[in-house]
PDB file of all heavy atoms in Angstrom:
ATOM      1  N   MET A   1      -0.769   2.303  -5.117  1.00  0.00           N
ATOM      2  CA  MET A   1      -2.088   2.737  -4.708  1.00  0.00           C
ATOM      3  C   MET A   1      -2.005   3.707  -3.523  1.00  0.00           C
ATOM      4  O   MET A   1      -2.647   4.742  -3.499  1.00  0.00           O
ATOM      5  CB  MET A   1      -2.987   1.564  -4.338  1.00  0.00           C
ATOM      6  CG  MET A   1      -4.390   1.989  -3.936  1.00  0.00           C
ATOM      7  SD  MET A   1      -5.392   0.672  -3.254  1.00  0.00           S
ATOM      8  CE  MET A   1      -4.670   0.435  -1.650  1.00  0.00           C
ATOM      9  N   TYR A   2      -1.186   3.356  -2.522  1.00  0.00           N
ATOM     10  CA  TYR A   2      -1.064   4.244  -1.356  1.00  0.00           C
ATOM     11  C   TYR A   2      -0.556   5.624  -1.752  1.00  0.00           C
ATOM     12  O   TYR A   2      -1.056   6.643  -1.291  1.00  0.00           O
ATOM     13  CB  TYR A   2      -0.123   3.635  -0.318  1.00  0.00           C
ATOM     14  CG  TYR A   2      -0.586   2.309   0.239  1.00  0.00           C
ATOM     15  CD1 TYR A   2       0.335   1.307   0.552  1.00  0.00           C
ATOM     16  CD2 TYR A   2      -1.935   2.047   0.482  1.00  0.00           C
ATOM     17  CE1 TYR A   2      -0.081   0.103   1.074  1.00  0.00           C
ATOM     18  CE2 TYR A   2      -2.346   0.823   1.003  1.00  0.00           C
ATOM     19  CZ  TYR A   2      -1.428  -0.136   1.285  1.00  0.00           C
ATOM     20  OH  TYR A   2      -1.822  -1.329   1.799  1.00  0.00           O
ATOM     21  N   GLU A   3       0.418   5.651  -2.637  1.00  0.00           N
ATOM     22  CA  GLU A   3       0.957   6.931  -3.088  1.00  0.00           C
ATOM     23  C   GLU A   3      -0.062   7.737  -3.893  1.00  0.00           C
ATOM     24  O   GLU A   3      -0.070   8.965  -3.843  1.00  0.00           O
ATOM     25  CB  GLU A   3       2.253   6.726  -3.858  1.00  0.00           C
ATOM     26  CG  GLU A   3       3.376   6.280  -2.907  1.00  0.00           C
ATOM     27  CD  GLU A   3       4.696   5.978  -3.593  1.00  0.00           C
ATOM     28  OE1 GLU A   3       4.744   5.885  -4.857  1.00  0.00           O
ATOM     29  OE2 GLU A   3       5.718   5.854  -2.870  1.00  0.00           O
ATOM     30  N   LYS A   4      -0.944   7.031  -4.594  1.00  0.00           N
ATOM     31  CA  LYS A   4      -2.032   7.726  -5.306  1.00  0.00           C
ATOM     32  C   LYS A   4      -2.928   8.475  -4.328  1.00  0.00           C
ATOM     33  O   LYS A   4      -3.467   9.532  -4.652  1.00  0.00           O
ATOM     34  CB  LYS A   4      -2.829   6.694  -6.112  1.00  0.00           C
ATOM     35  CG  LYS A   4      -3.980   7.301  -6.907  1.00  0.00           C
ATOM     36  CD  LYS A   4      -4.588   6.317  -7.873  1.00  0.00           C
ATOM     37  CE  LYS A   4      -5.294   5.198  -7.160  1.00  0.00           C
ATOM     38  NZ  LYS A   4      -6.065   4.324  -8.052  1.00  0.00           N
ATOM     39  N   PHE A   5      -3.074   7.928  -3.124  1.00  0.00           N
ATOM     40  CA  PHE A   5      -3.891   8.577  -2.096  1.00  0.00           C
ATOM     41  C   PHE A   5      -3.074   9.555  -1.241  1.00  0.00           C
ATOM     42  O   PHE A   5      -3.554  10.038  -0.217  1.00  0.00           O
ATOM     43  CB  PHE A   5      -4.543   7.520  -1.198  1.00  0.00           C
ATOM     44  CG  PHE A   5      -5.750   6.890  -1.818  1.00  0.00           C
ATOM     45  CD1 PHE A   5      -5.660   5.625  -2.396  1.00  0.00           C
ATOM     46  CD2 PHE A   5      -6.957   7.533  -1.852  1.00  0.00           C
ATOM     47  CE1 PHE A   5      -6.776   5.031  -2.993  1.00  0.00           C
ATOM     48  CE2 PHE A   5      -8.070   6.960  -2.417  1.00  0.00           C
ATOM     49  CZ  PHE A   5      -7.977   5.700  -2.996  1.00  0.00           C
ATOM     50  N   GLU A   6      -1.850   9.842  -1.672  1.00  0.00           N
ATOM     51  CA  GLU A   6      -0.971  10.817  -0.993  1.00  0.00           C
ATOM     52  C   GLU A   6      -0.340  10.311   0.292  1.00  0.00           C
ATOM     53  O   GLU A   6       0.116  11.120   1.100  1.00  0.00           O
ATOM     54  CB  GLU A   6      -1.688  12.166  -0.752  1.00  0.00           C
ATOM     55  CG  GLU A   6      -2.184  12.824  -2.006  1.00  0.00           C
ATOM     56  CD  GLU A   6      -1.061  13.239  -2.967  1.00  0.00           C
ATOM     57  OE1 GLU A   6      -0.014  13.721  -2.488  1.00  0.00           O
ATOM     58  OE2 GLU A   6      -1.232  13.074  -4.174  1.00  0.00           O
ATOM     59  N   PHE A   7      -0.311   8.993   0.503  1.00  0.00           N
ATOM     60  CA  PHE A   7       0.501   8.455   1.588  1.00  0.00           C
ATOM     61  C   PHE A   7       1.942   8.768   1.209  1.00  0.00           C
ATOM     62  O   PHE A   7       2.357   8.590   0.061  1.00  0.00           O
ATOM     63  CB  PHE A   7       0.326   6.953   1.748  1.00  0.00           C
ATOM     64  CG  PHE A   7      -0.873   6.549   2.541  1.00  0.00           C
ATOM     65  CD1 PHE A   7      -2.090   6.301   1.913  1.00  0.00           C
ATOM     66  CD2 PHE A   7      -0.773   6.373   3.908  1.00  0.00           C
ATOM     67  CE1 PHE A   7      -3.196   5.899   2.651  1.00  0.00           C
ATOM     68  CE2 PHE A   7      -1.885   5.971   4.671  1.00  0.00           C
ATOM     69  CZ  PHE A   7      -3.095   5.748   4.028  1.00  0.00           C
ATOM     70  N   LYS A   8       2.739   9.199   2.171  1.00  0.00           N
ATOM     71  CA  LYS A   8       4.139   9.551   1.943  1.00  0.00           C
ATOM     72  C   LYS A   8       5.044   8.589   2.690  1.00  0.00           C
ATOM     73  O   LYS A   8       4.787   8.244   3.858  1.00  0.00           O
ATOM     74  CB  LYS A   8       4.435  10.985   2.406  1.00  0.00           C
ATOM     75  CG  LYS A   8       3.608  12.032   1.734  1.00  0.00           C
ATOM     76  CD  LYS A   8       3.916  12.139   0.283  1.00  0.00           C
ATOM     77  CE  LYS A   8       3.114  13.297  -0.358  1.00  0.00           C
ATOM     78  NZ  LYS A   8       2.995  13.166  -1.766  1.00  0.00           N
ATOM     79  N   PHE A   9       6.111   8.178   2.016  1.00  0.00           N
ATOM     80  CA  PHE A   9       7.114   7.313   2.645  1.00  0.00           C
ATOM     81  C   PHE A   9       7.704   8.070   3.815  1.00  0.00           C
ATOM     82  O   PHE A   9       8.065   9.240   3.729  1.00  0.00           O
ATOM     83  CB  PHE A   9       8.188   6.953   1.624  1.00  0.00           C
ATOM     84  CG  PHE A   9       9.360   6.259   2.242  1.00  0.00           C
ATOM     85  CD1 PHE A   9       9.276   4.906   2.571  1.00  0.00           C
ATOM     86  CD2 PHE A   9      10.542   6.935   2.494  1.00  0.00           C
ATOM     87  CE1 PHE A   9      10.344   4.260   3.152  1.00  0.00           C
ATOM     88  CE2 PHE A   9      11.621   6.289   3.066  1.00  0.00           C
ATOM     89  CZ  PHE A   9      11.533   4.946   3.402  1.00  0.00           C
ATOM     90  N   ASP A  10       7.784   7.375   4.959  1.00  0.00           N
ATOM     91  CA  ASP A  10       8.394   7.966   6.150  1.00  0.00           C
ATOM     92  C   ASP A  10       9.769   7.374   6.394  1.00  0.00           C
ATOM     93  O   ASP A  10      10.764   8.089   6.450  1.00  0.00           O
ATOM     94  CB  ASP A  10       7.469   7.739   7.362  1.00  0.00           C
ATOM     95  CG  ASP A  10       7.954   8.451   8.614  1.00  0.00           C
ATOM     96  OD1 ASP A  10       8.584   9.511   8.493  1.00  0.00           O
ATOM     97  OD2 ASP A  10       7.683   7.919   9.708  1.00  0.00           O
ATOM     98  N   LYS A  11       9.831   6.040   6.538  1.00  0.00           N
ATOM     99  CA  LYS A  11      11.116   5.403   6.764  1.00  0.00           C
ATOM    100  C   LYS A  11      10.984   3.895   6.615  1.00  0.00           C
ATOM    101  O   LYS A  11       9.894   3.340   6.616  1.00  0.00           O
ATOM    102  CB  LYS A  11      11.663   5.727   8.164  1.00  0.00           C
ATOM    103  CG  LYS A  11      10.764   5.236   9.304  1.00  0.00           C
ATOM    104  CD  LYS A  11      11.282   5.719  10.651  1.00  0.00           C
ATOM    105  CE  LYS A  11      10.298   5.368  11.741  1.00  0.00           C
ATOM    106  NZ  LYS A  11      10.701   5.906  13.024  1.00  0.00           N
ATOM    107  N   LYS A  12      12.130   3.269   6.489  1.00  0.00           N
ATOM    108  CA  LYS A  12      12.191   1.811   6.468  1.00  0.00           C
ATOM    109  C   LYS A  12      12.266   1.362   7.920  1.00  0.00           C
ATOM    110  O   LYS A  12      13.118   1.861   8.665  1.00  0.00           O
ATOM    111  CB  LYS A  12      13.422   1.360   5.700  1.00  0.00           C
ATOM    112  CG  LYS A  12      13.469  -0.082   5.358  1.00  0.00           C
ATOM    113  CD  LYS A  12      14.638  -0.340   4.396  1.00  0.00           C
ATOM    114  CE  LYS A  12      14.554  -1.733   3.836  1.00  0.00           C
ATOM    115  NZ  LYS A  12      15.550  -1.973   2.811  1.00  0.00           N
ATOM    116  N   ILE A  13      11.356   0.492   8.354  1.00  0.00           N
ATOM    117  CA  ILE A  13      11.335   0.125   9.770  1.00  0.00           C
ATOM    118  C   ILE A  13      11.874  -1.285  10.045  1.00  0.00           C
ATOM    119  O   ILE A  13      12.238  -1.588  11.170  1.00  0.00           O
ATOM    120  CB  ILE A  13       9.926   0.281  10.380  1.00  0.00           C
ATOM    121  CG1 ILE A  13       8.900  -0.578   9.664  1.00  0.00           C
ATOM    122  CG2 ILE A  13       9.535   1.735  10.403  1.00  0.00           C
ATOM    123  CD1 ILE A  13       7.552  -0.609  10.352  1.00  0.00           C
ATOM    124  N   LYS A  14      11.920  -2.107   9.032  1.00  0.00           N
ATOM    125  CA  LYS A  14      12.515  -3.437   9.135  1.00  0.00           C
ATOM    126  C   LYS A  14      13.226  -3.692   7.811  1.00  0.00           C
ATOM    127  O   LYS A  14      13.135  -2.885   6.885  1.00  0.00           O
ATOM    128  CB  LYS A  14      11.453  -4.508   9.377  1.00  0.00           C
ATOM    129  CG  LYS A  14      10.748  -4.428  10.703  1.00  0.00           C
ATOM    130  CD  LYS A  14       9.762  -5.547  10.855  1.00  0.00           C
ATOM    131  CE  LYS A  14       8.968  -5.396  12.135  1.00  0.00           C
ATOM    132  NZ  LYS A  14       7.856  -6.337  12.186  1.00  0.00           N
ATOM    133  N   GLU A  15      13.844  -4.848   7.722  1.00  0.00           N
ATOM    134  CA  GLU A  15      14.614  -5.151   6.509  1.00  0.00           C
ATOM    135  C   GLU A  15      13.810  -4.937   5.232  1.00  0.00           C
ATOM    136  O   GLU A  15      14.281  -4.374   4.262  1.00  0.00           O
ATOM    137  CB  GLU A  15      15.145  -6.569   6.566  1.00  0.00           C
ATOM    138  CG  GLU A  15      16.012  -6.920   5.405  1.00  0.00           C
ATOM    139  CD  GLU A  15      16.625  -8.293   5.492  1.00  0.00           C
ATOM    140  OE1 GLU A  15      16.954  -8.729   6.626  1.00  0.00           O
ATOM    141  OE2 GLU A  15      16.751  -8.934   4.466  1.00  0.00           O
ATOM    142  N   ASN A  16      12.565  -5.408   5.194  1.00  0.00           N
ATOM    143  CA  ASN A  16      11.738  -5.301   3.984  1.00  0.00           C
ATOM    144  C   ASN A  16      10.430  -4.565   4.204  1.00  0.00           C
ATOM    145  O   ASN A  16       9.503  -4.705   3.408  1.00  0.00           O
ATOM    146  CB  ASN A  16      11.435  -6.701   3.445  1.00  0.00           C
ATOM    147  CG  ASN A  16      12.669  -7.423   3.038  1.00  0.00           C
ATOM    148  OD1 ASN A  16      13.527  -6.857   2.341  1.00  0.00           O
ATOM    149  ND2 ASN A  16      12.836  -8.676   3.458  1.00  0.00           N
ATOM    150  N   THR A  17      10.321  -3.785   5.261  1.00  0.00           N
ATOM    151  CA  THR A  17       9.062  -3.139   5.597  1.00  0.00           C
ATOM    152  C   THR A  17       9.202  -1.623   5.638  1.00  0.00           C
ATOM    153  O   THR A  17      10.112  -1.102   6.243  1.00  0.00           O
ATOM    154  CB  THR A  17       8.556  -3.637   6.986  1.00  0.00           C
ATOM    155  OG1 THR A  17       8.505  -5.064   6.960  1.00  0.00           O
ATOM    156  CG2 THR A  17       7.169  -3.101   7.275  1.00  0.00           C
ATOM    157  N   LEU A  18       8.272  -0.961   4.968  1.00  0.00           N
ATOM    158  CA  LEU A  18       8.262   0.495   4.862  1.00  0.00           C
ATOM    159  C   LEU A  18       7.135   1.073   5.663  1.00  0.00           C
ATOM    160  O   LEU A  18       6.032   0.475   5.728  1.00  0.00           O
ATOM    161  CB  LEU A  18       8.132   0.935   3.399  1.00  0.00           C
ATOM    162  CG  LEU A  18       9.111   0.309   2.417  1.00  0.00           C
ATOM    163  CD1 LEU A  18       8.781   0.773   1.000  1.00  0.00           C
ATOM    164  CD2 LEU A  18      10.553   0.660   2.786  1.00  0.00           C
ATOM    165  N   LEU A  19       7.357   2.227   6.259  1.00  0.00           N
ATOM    166  CA  LEU A  19       6.319   2.977   6.969  1.00  0.00           C
ATOM    167  C   LEU A  19       5.895   4.154   6.115  1.00  0.00           C
ATOM    168  O   LEU A  19       6.737   4.894   5.616  1.00  0.00           O
ATOM    169  CB  LEU A  19       6.858   3.478   8.320  1.00  0.00           C
ATOM    170  CG  LEU A  19       5.905   4.347   9.140  1.00  0.00           C
ATOM    171  CD1 LEU A  19       4.712   3.537   9.643  1.00  0.00           C
ATOM    172  CD2 LEU A  19       6.656   4.974  10.302  1.00  0.00           C
ATOM    173  N   TYR A  20       4.581   4.291   5.937  1.00  0.00           N
ATOM    174  CA  TYR A  20       4.009   5.412   5.204  1.00  0.00           C
ATOM    175  C   TYR A  20       3.041   6.155   6.118  1.00  0.00           C
ATOM    176  O   TYR A  20       2.469   5.571   7.053  1.00  0.00           O
ATOM    177  CB  TYR A  20       3.227   4.900   3.985  1.00  0.00           C
ATOM    178  CG  TYR A  20       4.076   4.674   2.758  1.00  0.00           C
ATOM    179  CD1 TYR A  20       4.932   3.599   2.652  1.00  0.00           C
ATOM    180  CD2 TYR A  20       4.019   5.584   1.692  1.00  0.00           C
ATOM    181  CE1 TYR A  20       5.710   3.395   1.535  1.00  0.00           C
ATOM    182  CE2 TYR A  20       4.772   5.384   0.556  1.00  0.00           C
ATOM    183  CZ  TYR A  20       5.620   4.303   0.483  1.00  0.00           C
ATOM    184  OH  TYR A  20       6.379   4.105  -0.638  1.00  0.00           O
ATOM    185  N   CYS A  21       2.824   7.424   5.826  1.00  0.00           N
ATOM    186  CA  CYS A  21       1.908   8.236   6.581  1.00  0.00           C
ATOM    187  C   CYS A  21       1.092   9.112   5.644  1.00  0.00           C
ATOM    188  O   CYS A  21       1.595   9.642   4.645  1.00  0.00           O
ATOM    189  CB  CYS A  21       2.658   9.131   7.586  1.00  0.00           C
ATOM    190  SG  CYS A  21       1.577  10.155   8.595  1.00  0.00           S
ATOM    191  N   LEU A  22      -0.180   9.293   5.961  1.00  0.00           N
ATOM    192  CA  LEU A  22      -1.053  10.195   5.213  1.00  0.00           C
ATOM    193  C   LEU A  22      -1.525  11.290   6.180  1.00  0.00           C
ATOM    194  O   LEU A  22      -2.154  11.011   7.184  1.00  0.00           O
ATOM    195  CB  LEU A  22      -2.282   9.436   4.676  1.00  0.00           C
ATOM    196  CG  LEU A  22      -3.378  10.285   4.040  1.00  0.00           C
ATOM    197  CD1 LEU A  22      -2.891  11.065   2.845  1.00  0.00           C
ATOM    198  CD2 LEU A  22      -4.572   9.399   3.661  1.00  0.00           C
ATOM    199  N   ASN A  23      -1.197  12.534   5.831  1.00  0.00           N
ATOM    200  CA  ASN A  23      -1.732  13.686   6.545  1.00  0.00           C
ATOM    201  C   ASN A  23      -3.129  13.942   5.983  1.00  0.00           C
ATOM    202  O   ASN A  23      -3.280  14.315   4.820  1.00  0.00           O
ATOM    203  CB  ASN A  23      -0.816  14.890   6.308  1.00  0.00           C
ATOM    204  CG  ASN A  23      -1.321  16.144   6.973  1.00  0.00           C
ATOM    205  OD1 ASN A  23      -2.516  16.324   7.165  1.00  0.00           O
ATOM    206  ND2 ASN A  23      -0.408  17.007   7.334  1.00  0.00           N
ATOM    207  N   MET A  24      -4.151  13.709   6.785  1.00  0.00           N
ATOM    208  CA  MET A  24      -5.529  13.772   6.287  1.00  0.00           C
ATOM    209  C   MET A  24      -5.952  15.166   5.855  1.00  0.00           C
ATOM    210  O   MET A  24      -6.894  15.343   5.109  1.00  0.00           O
ATOM    211  CB  MET A  24      -6.504  13.220   7.351  1.00  0.00           C
ATOM    212  CG  MET A  24      -6.421  11.725   7.539  1.00  0.00           C
ATOM    213  SD  MET A  24      -6.764  10.794   6.001  1.00  0.00           S
ATOM    214  CE  MET A  24      -8.519  11.132   5.804  1.00  0.00           C
TER     215      MET A  24
END
């Protein structure tokens, strides 16, 4: 769903946690 809204993967910040960012 996040990728459908154009959130882009930024980096892995913890063992199982991903950071995403959306340029509005």
